[in-house]
PDB file of N, CA and C in Angstrom:
ATOM      1  N   MET A   1      17.464  34.463 -64.943  1.00  0.00           N
ATOM      2  CA  MET A   1      17.457  33.226 -64.287  1.00  0.00           C
ATOM      3  C   MET A   1      17.579  34.141 -62.834  1.00  0.00           C
ATOM      4  N   THR A   2      16.581  33.588 -62.202  1.00  0.00           N
ATOM      5  CA  THR A   2      16.588  34.106 -60.744  1.00  0.00           C
ATOM      6  C   THR A   2      17.378  33.443 -60.149  1.00  0.00           C
ATOM      7  N   LEU A   3      18.114  33.733 -58.509  1.00  0.00           N
ATOM      8  CA  LEU A   3      18.697  33.142 -58.007  1.00  0.00           C
ATOM      9  C   LEU A   3      18.839  32.033 -57.474  1.00  0.00           C
ATOM     10  N   SER A   4      17.486  31.525 -57.171  1.00  0.00           N
ATOM     11  CA  SER A   4      17.117  30.098 -56.749  1.00  0.00           C
ATOM     12  C   SER A   4      17.403  29.334 -58.028  1.00  0.00           C
ATOM     13  N   HIS A   5      17.247  29.723 -59.325  1.00  0.00           N
ATOM     14  CA  HIS A   5      17.243  29.011 -60.437  1.00  0.00           C
ATOM     15  C   HIS A   5      19.172  28.554 -60.745  1.00  0.00           C
ATOM     16  N   ALA A   6      19.654  29.857 -60.724  1.00  0.00           N
ATOM     17  CA  ALA A   6      20.801  29.702 -60.465  1.00  0.00           C
ATOM     18  C   ALA A   6      21.756  28.954 -59.771  1.00  0.00           C
ATOM     19  N   ARG A   7      21.344  28.979 -58.628  1.00  0.00           N
ATOM     20  CA  ARG A   7      21.686  27.899 -56.964  1.00  0.00           C
ATOM     21  C   ARG A   7      21.714  26.719 -57.637  1.00  0.00           C
ATOM     22  N   ARG A   8      20.353  26.153 -57.969  1.00  0.00           N
ATOM     23  CA  ARG A   8      19.990  25.171 -58.174  1.00  0.00           C
ATOM     24  C   ARG A   8      20.674  23.952 -59.589  1.00  0.00           C
ATOM     25  N   ASN A   9      21.082  25.192 -60.465  1.00  0.00           N
ATOM     26  CA  ASN A   9      21.712  24.541 -61.527  1.00  0.00           C
ATOM     27  C   ASN A   9      23.205  24.439 -60.967  1.00  0.00           C
ATOM     28  N   GLN A  10      23.762  25.331 -60.274  1.00  0.00           N
ATOM     29  CA  GLN A  10      25.340  25.145 -59.864  1.00  0.00           C
ATOM     30  C   GLN A  10      25.215  24.118 -58.633  1.00  0.00           C
ATOM     31  N   LEU A  11      24.247  23.732 -58.128  1.00  0.00           N
ATOM     32  CA  LEU A  11      24.257  22.366 -57.012  1.00  0.00           C
ATOM     33  C   LEU A  11      24.310  21.406 -57.949  1.00  0.00           C
ATOM     34  N   ILE A  12      23.662  21.178 -58.848  1.00  0.00           N
ATOM     35  CA  ILE A  12      23.492  19.986 -59.791  1.00  0.00           C
ATOM     36  C   ILE A  12      24.901  19.797 -60.667  1.00  0.00           C
ATOM     37  N   ILE A  13      25.197  20.744 -61.201  1.00  0.00           N
ATOM     38  CA  ILE A  13      26.783  20.810 -61.779  1.00  0.00           C
ATOM     39  C   ILE A  13      27.684  20.273 -60.903  1.00  0.00           C
ATOM     40  N   ALA A  14      27.729  20.672 -59.665  1.00  0.00           N
ATOM     41  CA  ALA A  14      28.639  20.534 -58.561  1.00  0.00           C
ATOM     42  C   ALA A  14      28.310  19.045 -58.149  1.00  0.00           C
ATOM     43  N   GLY A  15      27.397  18.730 -57.662  1.00  0.00           N
ATOM     44  CA  GLY A  15      27.129  17.400 -57.114  1.00  0.00           C
ATOM     45  C   GLY A  15      27.583  16.596 -58.289  1.00  0.00           C
ATOM     46  N   VAL A  16      27.027  16.418 -59.750  1.00  0.00           N
ATOM     47  CA  VAL A  16      27.313  15.603 -60.469  1.00  0.00           C
ATOM     48  C   VAL A  16      28.931  15.292 -60.826  1.00  0.00           C
ATOM     49  N   SER A  17      29.536  16.577 -60.803  1.00  0.00           N
ATOM     50  CA  SER A  17      31.013  16.838 -61.367  1.00  0.00           C
ATOM     51  C   SER A  17      31.525  16.207 -60.021  1.00  0.00           C
ATOM     52  N   SER A  18      31.108  16.272 -58.796  1.00  0.00           N
ATOM     53  CA  SER A  18      31.710  15.907 -57.687  1.00  0.00           C
ATOM     54  C   SER A  18      31.922  14.451 -57.299  1.00  0.00           C
ATOM     55  N   VAL A  19      31.062  13.526 -58.478  1.00  0.00           N
ATOM     56  CA  VAL A  19      30.530  12.448 -58.135  1.00  0.00           C
ATOM     57  C   VAL A  19      31.817  11.825 -59.345  1.00  0.00           C
ATOM     58  N   LEU A  20      31.468  12.178 -60.094  1.00  0.00           N
ATOM     59  CA  LEU A  20      32.053  11.996 -61.520  1.00  0.00           C
ATOM     60  C   LEU A  20      33.733  11.980 -61.196  1.00  0.00           C
ATOM     61  N   LEU A  21      34.447  13.227 -60.517  1.00  0.00           N
ATOM     62  CA  LEU A  21      35.596  13.357 -60.013  1.00  0.00           C
ATOM     63  C   LEU A  21      36.251  12.203 -59.186  1.00  0.00           C
ATOM     64  N   ALA A  22      35.010  11.975 -58.065  1.00  0.00           N
ATOM     65  CA  ALA A  22      35.272  11.011 -57.018  1.00  0.00           C
ATOM     66  C   ALA A  22      35.552   9.451 -58.031  1.00  0.00           C
ATOM     67  N   ILE A  23      34.839   9.211 -58.658  1.00  0.00           N
ATOM     68  CA  ILE A  23      35.064   8.172 -59.432  1.00  0.00           C
ATOM     69  C   ILE A  23      36.555   7.791 -60.153  1.00  0.00           C
ATOM     70  N   LEU A  24      36.486   9.234 -60.719  1.00  0.00           N
ATOM     71  CA  LEU A  24      38.211   9.459 -61.420  1.00  0.00           C
ATOM     72  C   LEU A  24      39.346   9.400 -60.271  1.00  0.00           C
ATOM     73  N   TRP A  25      38.976   9.582 -59.210  1.00  0.00           N
ATOM     74  CA  TRP A  25      39.853   9.615 -58.203  1.00  0.00           C
ATOM     75  C   TRP A  25      40.340   8.177 -57.582  1.00  0.00           C
ATOM     76  N   VAL A  26      39.095   7.467 -57.397  1.00  0.00           N
ATOM     77  CA  VAL A  26      39.109   6.015 -57.073  1.00  0.00           C
ATOM     78  C   VAL A  26      39.661   5.116 -57.799  1.00  0.00           C
ATOM     79  N   ILE A  27      39.008   5.050 -59.215  1.00  0.00           N
ATOM     80  CA  ILE A  27      39.689   4.189 -60.330  1.00  0.00           C
ATOM     81  C   ILE A  27      40.638   4.333 -60.726  1.00  0.00           C
ATOM     82  N   GLY A  28      40.965   5.860 -61.470  1.00  0.00           N
ATOM     83  CA  GLY A  28      42.120   6.249 -62.033  1.00  0.00           C
ATOM     84  C   GLY A  28      43.432   5.730 -61.420  1.00  0.00           C
ATOM     85  N   ASP A  29      44.085   5.552 -62.164  1.00  0.00           N
ATOM     86  CA  ASP A  29      45.724   5.157 -62.161  1.00  0.00           C
ATOM     87  C   ASP A  29      46.485   6.561 -62.405  1.00  0.00           C
ATOM     88  N   LEU A  30      46.271   7.294 -61.264  1.00  0.00           N
ATOM     89  CA  LEU A  30      46.776   8.524 -61.411  1.00  0.00           C
ATOM     90  C   LEU A  30      48.387   8.817 -60.339  1.00  0.00           C
ATOM     91  N   PRO A  31      48.760   9.913 -61.067  1.00  0.00           N
ATOM     92  CA  PRO A  31      50.138  10.117 -60.069  1.00  0.00           C
ATOM     93  C   PRO A  31      49.886  10.320 -58.618  1.00  0.00           C
ATOM     94  N   ARG A  32      50.754  10.867 -57.608  1.00  0.00           N
ATOM     95  CA  ARG A  32      50.277  11.034 -56.413  1.00  0.00           C
ATOM     96  C   ARG A  32      50.222  12.446 -56.543  1.00  0.00           C
ATOM     97  N   SER A  33      50.500  13.312 -57.353  1.00  0.00           N
ATOM     98  CA  SER A  33      50.216  14.702 -57.447  1.00  0.00           C
ATOM     99  C   SER A  33      48.464  14.466 -57.572  1.00  0.00           C
ATOM    100  N   MET A  34      48.328  13.964 -58.284  1.00  0.00           N
ATOM    101  CA  MET A  34      46.494  13.908 -59.089  1.00  0.00           C
ATOM    102  C   MET A  34      45.860  13.845 -57.627  1.00  0.00           C
ATOM    103  N   HIS A  35      46.320  12.890 -56.924  1.00  0.00           N
ATOM    104  CA  HIS A  35      45.642  12.180 -55.743  1.00  0.00           C
ATOM    105  C   HIS A  35      45.792  13.524 -54.499  1.00  0.00           C
ATOM    106  N   TYR A  36      46.225  14.334 -54.545  1.00  0.00           N
ATOM    107  CA  TYR A  36      46.448  15.597 -54.061  1.00  0.00           C
ATOM    108  C   TYR A  36      45.487  16.429 -54.477  1.00  0.00           C
ATOM    109  N   ALA A  37      45.535  16.737 -55.898  1.00  0.00           N
ATOM    110  CA  ALA A  37      44.952  17.798 -56.413  1.00  0.00           C
ATOM    111  C   ALA A  37      43.367  17.739 -56.514  1.00  0.00           C
ATOM    112  N   LEU A  38      42.941  16.497 -56.708  1.00  0.00           N
ATOM    113  CA  LEU A  38      41.701  16.372 -57.084  1.00  0.00           C
ATOM    114  C   LEU A  38      40.547  16.630 -55.817  1.00  0.00           C
ATOM    115  N   PRO A  39      40.707  16.715 -54.723  1.00  0.00           N
ATOM    116  CA  PRO A  39      40.325  17.016 -53.551  1.00  0.00           C
ATOM    117  C   PRO A  39      39.859  18.356 -53.570  1.00  0.00           C
ATOM    118  N   PHE A  40      41.134  19.041 -53.740  1.00  0.00           N
ATOM    119  CA  PHE A  40      40.829  20.729 -53.791  1.00  0.00           C
ATOM    120  C   PHE A  40      39.968  21.252 -55.071  1.00  0.00           C
ATOM    121  N   VAL A  41      40.116  20.154 -56.011  1.00  0.00           N
ATOM    122  CA  VAL A  41      39.245  20.240 -57.580  1.00  0.00           C
ATOM    123  C   VAL A  41      37.505  20.576 -56.793  1.00  0.00           C
ATOM    124  N   ILE A  42      37.383  18.772 -56.239  1.00  0.00           N
ATOM    125  CA  ILE A  42      36.015  19.186 -55.501  1.00  0.00           C
ATOM    126  C   ILE A  42      35.669  19.800 -55.020  1.00  0.00           C
ATOM    127  N   PHE A  43      36.256  20.363 -54.051  1.00  0.00           N
ATOM    128  CA  PHE A  43      35.826  21.695 -53.147  1.00  0.00           C
ATOM    129  C   PHE A  43      35.945  23.010 -53.818  1.00  0.00           C
ATOM    130  N   ALA A  44      36.583  23.023 -55.028  1.00  0.00           N
ATOM    131  CA  ALA A  44      36.528  24.154 -55.632  1.00  0.00           C
ATOM    132  C   ALA A  44      35.006  24.423 -56.330  1.00  0.00           C
ATOM    133  N   LEU A  45      34.711  23.048 -56.672  1.00  0.00           N
ATOM    134  CA  LEU A  45      33.258  23.035 -57.471  1.00  0.00           C
ATOM    135  C   LEU A  45      32.207  23.384 -56.760  1.00  0.00           C
ATOM    136  N   TRP A  46      31.881  23.259 -55.428  1.00  0.00           N
ATOM    137  CA  TRP A  46      31.030  24.029 -54.420  1.00  0.00           C
ATOM    138  C   TRP A  46      30.811  25.094 -54.210  1.00  0.00           C
ATOM    139  N   ILE A  47      32.308  25.999 -54.568  1.00  0.00           N
ATOM    140  CA  ILE A  47      32.287  27.319 -54.049  1.00  0.00           C
ATOM    141  C   ILE A  47      31.248  28.536 -54.868  1.00  0.00           C
ATOM    142  N   PRO A  48      31.619  28.308 -56.262  1.00  0.00           N
ATOM    143  CA  PRO A  48      30.410  29.060 -56.895  1.00  0.00           C
ATOM    144  C   PRO A  48      28.923  28.732 -56.432  1.00  0.00           C
ATOM    145  N   ALA A  49      28.744  27.328 -56.074  1.00  0.00           N
ATOM    146  CA  ALA A  49      27.270  27.215 -55.606  1.00  0.00           C
ATOM    147  C   ALA A  49      26.943  27.658 -54.468  1.00  0.00           C
ATOM    148  N   VAL A  50      27.760  27.876 -53.357  1.00  0.00           N
ATOM    149  CA  VAL A  50      27.980  28.414 -52.198  1.00  0.00           C
ATOM    150  C   VAL A  50      27.351  29.661 -51.977  1.00  0.00           C
ATOM    151  N   LEU A  51      28.330  30.450 -53.088  1.00  0.00           N
ATOM    152  CA  LEU A  51      28.248  31.635 -53.132  1.00  0.00           C
ATOM    153  C   LEU A  51      27.378  32.507 -54.081  1.00  0.00           C
ATOM    154  N   ALA A  52      26.357  31.791 -54.855  1.00  0.00           N
ATOM    155  CA  ALA A  52      25.793  32.298 -55.979  1.00  0.00           C
ATOM    156  C   ALA A  52      25.088  33.340 -55.904  1.00  0.00           C
ATOM    157  N   HIS A  53      25.181  34.275 -54.690  1.00  0.00           N
ATOM    158  CA  HIS A  53      24.443  35.719 -54.419  1.00  0.00           C
ATOM    159  C   HIS A  53      25.524  36.400 -54.619  1.00  0.00           C
ATOM    160  N   LYS A  54      26.778  35.993 -54.552  1.00  0.00           N
ATOM    161  CA  LYS A  54      27.788  37.105 -55.044  1.00  0.00           C
ATOM    162  C   LYS A  54      27.993  37.148 -56.228  1.00  0.00           C
ATOM    163  N   GLN A  55      27.532  35.859 -56.922  1.00  0.00           N
ATOM    164  CA  GLN A  55      27.596  35.893 -58.536  1.00  0.00           C
ATOM    165  C   GLN A  55      26.581  37.178 -58.880  1.00  0.00           C
ATOM    166  N   ARG A  56      25.102  36.841 -58.294  1.00  0.00           N
ATOM    167  CA  ARG A  56      24.188  37.487 -58.863  1.00  0.00           C
ATOM    168  C   ARG A  56      24.450  39.045 -58.566  1.00  0.00           C
ATOM    169  N   ASP A  57      25.365  39.772 -57.689  1.00  0.00           N
ATOM    170  CA  ASP A  57      25.567  40.903 -57.519  1.00  0.00           C
ATOM    171  C   ASP A  57      26.485  41.519 -58.245  1.00  0.00           C
ATOM    172  N   GLY A  58      27.070  40.814 -59.190  1.00  0.00           N
ATOM    173  CA  GLY A  58      28.183  40.934 -60.230  1.00  0.00           C
ATOM    174  C   GLY A  58      29.524  41.854 -60.054  1.00  0.00           C
ATOM    175  N   GLY A  59      30.060  41.500 -58.944  1.00  0.00           N
ATOM    176  CA  GLY A  59      31.346  42.183 -58.375  1.00  0.00           C
ATOM    177  C   GLY A  59      32.375  41.785 -59.241  1.00  0.00           C
ATOM    178  N   VAL A  60      33.160  42.468 -59.593  1.00  0.00           N
ATOM    179  CA  VAL A  60      34.337  42.196 -60.680  1.00  0.00           C
ATOM    180  C   VAL A  60      35.556  41.238 -59.780  1.00  0.00           C
ATOM    181  N   ARG A  61      35.813  41.144 -58.957  1.00  0.00           N
ATOM    182  CA  ARG A  61      36.654  40.816 -57.743  1.00  0.00           C
ATOM    183  C   ARG A  61      35.963  39.058 -57.543  1.00  0.00           C
ATOM    184  N   TRP A  62      34.890  39.069 -57.408  1.00  0.00           N
ATOM    185  CA  TRP A  62      34.014  37.576 -57.145  1.00  0.00           C
ATOM    186  C   TRP A  62      34.018  36.958 -58.827  1.00  0.00           C
ATOM    187  N   ASN A  63      33.590  37.878 -59.488  1.00  0.00           N
ATOM    188  CA  ASN A  63      33.484  36.928 -61.020  1.00  0.00           C
ATOM    189  C   ASN A  63      34.883  36.623 -61.388  1.00  0.00           C
ATOM    190  N   THR A  64      35.772  37.196 -61.114  1.00  0.00           N
ATOM    191  CA  THR A  64      37.268  36.860 -61.419  1.00  0.00           C
ATOM    192  C   THR A  64      37.444  35.757 -60.402  1.00  0.00           C
ATOM    193  N   LEU A  65      37.394  35.896 -59.482  1.00  0.00           N
ATOM    194  CA  LEU A  65      37.519  34.679 -58.437  1.00  0.00           C
ATOM    195  C   LEU A  65      36.754  33.390 -58.991  1.00  0.00           C
ATOM    196  N   PHE A  66      35.547  33.470 -59.269  1.00  0.00           N
ATOM    197  CA  PHE A  66      34.675  32.151 -59.974  1.00  0.00           C
ATOM    198  C   PHE A  66      35.223  31.623 -61.424  1.00  0.00           C
ATOM    199  N   GLY A  67      35.604  32.492 -62.210  1.00  0.00           N
ATOM    200  CA  GLY A  67      36.622  32.416 -63.448  1.00  0.00           C
ATOM    201  C   GLY A  67      37.896  31.813 -63.048  1.00  0.00           C
ATOM    202  N   VAL A  68      38.696  32.045 -62.161  1.00  0.00           N
ATOM    203  CA  VAL A  68      39.813  31.434 -62.095  1.00  0.00           C
ATOM    204  C   VAL A  68      39.954  29.839 -61.787  1.00  0.00           C
ATOM    205  N   LEU A  69      39.092  30.103 -60.710  1.00  0.00           N
ATOM    206  CA  LEU A  69      38.278  28.649 -60.125  1.00  0.00           C
ATOM    207  C   LEU A  69      38.246  27.476 -61.052  1.00  0.00           C
ATOM    208  N   GLY A  70      36.815  27.931 -62.158  1.00  0.00           N
ATOM    209  CA  GLY A  70      36.623  27.269 -63.065  1.00  0.00           C
ATOM    210  C   GLY A  70      37.857  26.686 -64.029  1.00  0.00           C
ATOM    211  N   ILE A  71      38.333  28.106 -64.364  1.00  0.00           N
ATOM    212  CA  ILE A  71      39.960  27.816 -65.183  1.00  0.00           C
ATOM    213  C   ILE A  71      40.794  26.406 -64.176  1.00  0.00           C
ATOM    214  N   ALA A  72      41.039  26.760 -63.387  1.00  0.00           N
ATOM    215  CA  ALA A  72      41.970  25.699 -62.656  1.00  0.00           C
ATOM    216  C   ALA A  72      41.707  24.272 -62.643  1.00  0.00           C
ATOM    217  N   VAL A  73      39.984  23.683 -62.163  1.00  0.00           N
ATOM    218  CA  VAL A  73      39.122  23.057 -62.711  1.00  0.00           C
ATOM    219  C   VAL A  73      39.291  22.292 -63.852  1.00  0.00           C
ATOM    220  N   VAL A  74      39.418  23.128 -64.689  1.00  0.00           N
ATOM    221  CA  VAL A  74      39.352  22.482 -65.818  1.00  0.00           C
ATOM    222  C   VAL A  74      40.584  22.025 -66.361  1.00  0.00           C
ATOM    223  N   ILE A  75      41.538  22.968 -66.075  1.00  0.00           N
ATOM    224  CA  ILE A  75      43.080  22.439 -66.288  1.00  0.00           C
ATOM    225  C   ILE A  75      43.532  21.059 -65.873  1.00  0.00           C
ATOM    226  N   VAL A  76      43.151  20.915 -64.301  1.00  0.00           N
ATOM    227  CA  VAL A  76      43.532  19.422 -63.841  1.00  0.00           C
ATOM    228  C   VAL A  76      42.467  18.316 -63.610  1.00  0.00           C
ATOM    229  N   VAL A  77      41.294  18.705 -64.599  1.00  0.00           N
ATOM    230  CA  VAL A  77      40.819  17.627 -65.102  1.00  0.00           C
ATOM    231  C   VAL A  77      41.339  17.639 -66.282  1.00  0.00           C
ATOM    232  N   ILE A  78      41.718  18.262 -67.221  1.00  0.00           N
ATOM    233  CA  ILE A  78      42.068  17.339 -68.490  1.00  0.00           C
ATOM    234  C   ILE A  78      43.561  16.963 -68.455  1.00  0.00           C
ATOM    235  N   ARG A  79      44.358  17.399 -67.102  1.00  0.00           N
ATOM    236  CA  ARG A  79      45.712  17.058 -66.783  1.00  0.00           C
ATOM    237  C   ARG A  79      45.572  15.326 -66.464  1.00  0.00           C
ATOM    238  N   ALA A  80      44.275  15.188 -65.803  1.00  0.00           N
ATOM    239  CA  ALA A  80      44.226  13.621 -64.704  1.00  0.00           C
ATOM    240  C   ALA A  80      43.626  12.635 -66.251  1.00  0.00           C
ATOM    241  N   VAL A  81      42.807  13.161 -67.094  1.00  0.00           N
ATOM    242  CA  VAL A  81      42.406  12.453 -67.792  1.00  0.00           C
ATOM    243  C   VAL A  81      43.500  12.567 -69.093  1.00  0.00           C
ATOM    244  N   TRP A  82      44.426  13.275 -69.489  1.00  0.00           N
ATOM    245  CA  TRP A  82      45.330  13.150 -70.099  1.00  0.00           C
ATOM    246  C   TRP A  82      46.768  11.960 -69.503  1.00  0.00           C
ATOM    247  N   LEU A  83      46.768  12.086 -68.335  1.00  0.00           N
ATOM    248  CA  LEU A  83      47.891  11.355 -67.718  1.00  0.00           C
ATOM    249  C   LEU A  83      47.092   9.721 -67.931  1.00  0.00           C
ATOM    250  N   MET A  84      45.342   9.562 -67.578  1.00  0.00           N
ATOM    251  CA  MET A  84      45.210   8.469 -67.685  1.00  0.00           C
ATOM    252  C   MET A  84      45.107   7.693 -68.941  1.00  0.00           C
ATOM    253  N   GLY A  85      44.944   8.487 -70.081  1.00  0.00           N
ATOM    254  CA  GLY A  85      45.163   8.187 -71.502  1.00  0.00           C
ATOM    255  C   GLY A  85      46.606   7.990 -71.836  1.00  0.00           C
ATOM    256  N   ARG A  86      47.610   8.181 -71.292  1.00  0.00           N
ATOM    257  CA  ARG A  86      48.898   8.228 -71.498  1.00  0.00           C
ATOM    258  C   ARG A  86      49.396   7.009 -70.830  1.00  0.00           C
ATOM    259  N   SER A  87      48.473   6.251 -69.799  1.00  0.00           N
ATOM    260  CA  SER A  87      49.114   5.184 -69.361  1.00  0.00           C
ATOM    261  C   SER A  87      48.843   3.532 -70.166  1.00  0.00           C
TER     262      SER A  87
END
């Protein structure tokens, strides 16, 4: 996969995910902490798409950062959905 294909895929994923999270943020009956966390999650989705050239280089530090960001995004989204399901 070339850099342009990787960047395009990441931009599509970040765009769709941002729209879905924004809808969740507006419609969801979430606690105040989740209302503060979701903007940071939406921002974190765009970091790998913007820095796709760093992923292509294969540096351990950058890949670790992107992996940690991905795990943090998944944790916050699962927590938000769980809180909505509990209500």
